[in-house]
């Protein structure tokens, strides 16, 4: 039963406000039309940087661009 109680909490706390409401930001965009090789060859495709998602706190709104930045904020606390 503890799983249901902890469903809305993140495992780690926010280094700024202490809330357990961390979430991933900027999920990779997956197109619904599938592979369109000619679009990429002709330059019609959207250019999207392939970067890992950031981390953000839903409680205070603080964001970190990478896990390294998040860990650095935790160590400063």
Protein backbone atom coordinates (compact mmCIF):
# COMPACT_ATOMS: atom_id res chain seq x y z
CA UNK A 1 0.00 0.00 0.00
CA UNK A 2 2.94 2.37 0.35
CA UNK A 3 3.36 2.37 -3.43
CA UNK A 4 -0.05 4.02 -3.88
CA UNK A 5 0.75 6.63 -1.24
CA UNK A 6 4.10 7.46 -2.89
CA UNK A 7 2.77 7.52 -6.46
CA UNK A 8 2.91 11.33 -6.69
CA UNK A 9 6.33 11.69 -5.06
CA UNK A 10 9.71 11.62 -6.71
CA UNK A 11 12.42 9.48 -5.18
CA UNK A 12 14.72 12.43 -4.57
CA UNK A 13 13.90 15.81 -3.09
CA UNK A 14 14.39 19.17 -4.77
CA UNK A 15 17.64 20.79 -3.55
CA UNK A 16 15.94 24.21 -3.51
CA UNK A 17 12.59 23.64 -1.77
CA UNK A 18 12.84 20.05 -0.48
CA UNK A 19 9.63 18.88 -2.19
CA UNK A 20 9.53 15.39 -3.71
CA UNK A 21 7.98 16.61 -6.98
CA UNK A 22 10.83 16.29 -9.48
CA UNK A 23 10.01 15.48 -13.09
CA UNK A 24 11.74 15.09 -16.44
CA UNK A 25 11.49 17.95 -18.92
CA UNK A 26 11.76 18.04 -22.70
CA UNK A 27 10.91 14.50 -23.67
CA UNK A 28 12.17 13.50 -27.12
CA UNK A 29 9.65 14.27 -29.84
CA UNK A 30 8.50 11.17 -31.68
CA UNK A 31 6.74 11.87 -34.95
CA UNK A 32 3.55 10.00 -35.68
CA UNK A 33 4.09 9.76 -39.42
CA UNK A 34 6.96 7.30 -39.27
CA UNK A 35 10.14 7.36 -41.30
CA UNK A 36 10.10 9.78 -44.22
CA UNK A 37 13.50 9.40 -45.83
CA UNK A 38 12.85 11.89 -48.66
CA UNK A 39 11.96 14.64 -46.20
CA UNK A 40 15.33 14.24 -44.50
CA UNK A 41 17.24 14.04 -47.79
CA UNK A 42 15.56 17.14 -49.18
CA UNK A 43 15.79 19.07 -45.93
CA UNK A 44 12.09 19.18 -45.11
CA UNK A 45 12.44 17.45 -41.76
CA UNK A 46 12.42 19.33 -38.48
CA UNK A 47 15.85 19.75 -36.95
CA UNK A 48 15.59 18.79 -33.30
CA UNK A 49 18.61 18.54 -31.06
CA UNK A 50 19.10 15.11 -29.58
CA UNK A 51 19.73 15.96 -25.97
CA UNK A 52 18.71 14.27 -22.76
CA UNK A 53 15.73 15.71 -20.90
CA UNK A 54 16.27 18.21 -18.12
CA UNK A 55 15.03 17.93 -14.54
CA UNK A 56 12.50 20.28 -13.02
CA UNK A 57 10.64 20.73 -9.76
CA UNK A 58 6.86 21.00 -10.08
CA UNK A 59 6.63 22.67 -6.67
CA UNK A 60 9.02 25.63 -7.02
CA UNK A 61 9.68 25.70 -10.78
CA UNK A 62 13.46 25.36 -10.59
CA UNK A 63 15.01 23.62 -13.62
CA UNK A 64 18.37 21.93 -14.27
CA UNK A 65 19.66 21.24 -17.78
CA UNK A 66 21.37 17.96 -16.93
CA UNK A 67 21.77 15.37 -14.21
CA UNK A 68 25.24 16.78 -13.54
CA UNK A 69 23.75 20.22 -12.80
CA UNK A 70 21.16 18.62 -10.53
CA UNK A 71 23.81 16.64 -8.62
CA UNK A 72 25.92 19.80 -8.24
CA UNK A 73 22.92 21.61 -6.73
CA UNK A 74 22.40 18.71 -4.35
CA UNK A 75 26.02 18.80 -3.19
CA UNK A 76 25.81 22.55 -2.48
CA UNK A 77 22.90 21.99 -0.13
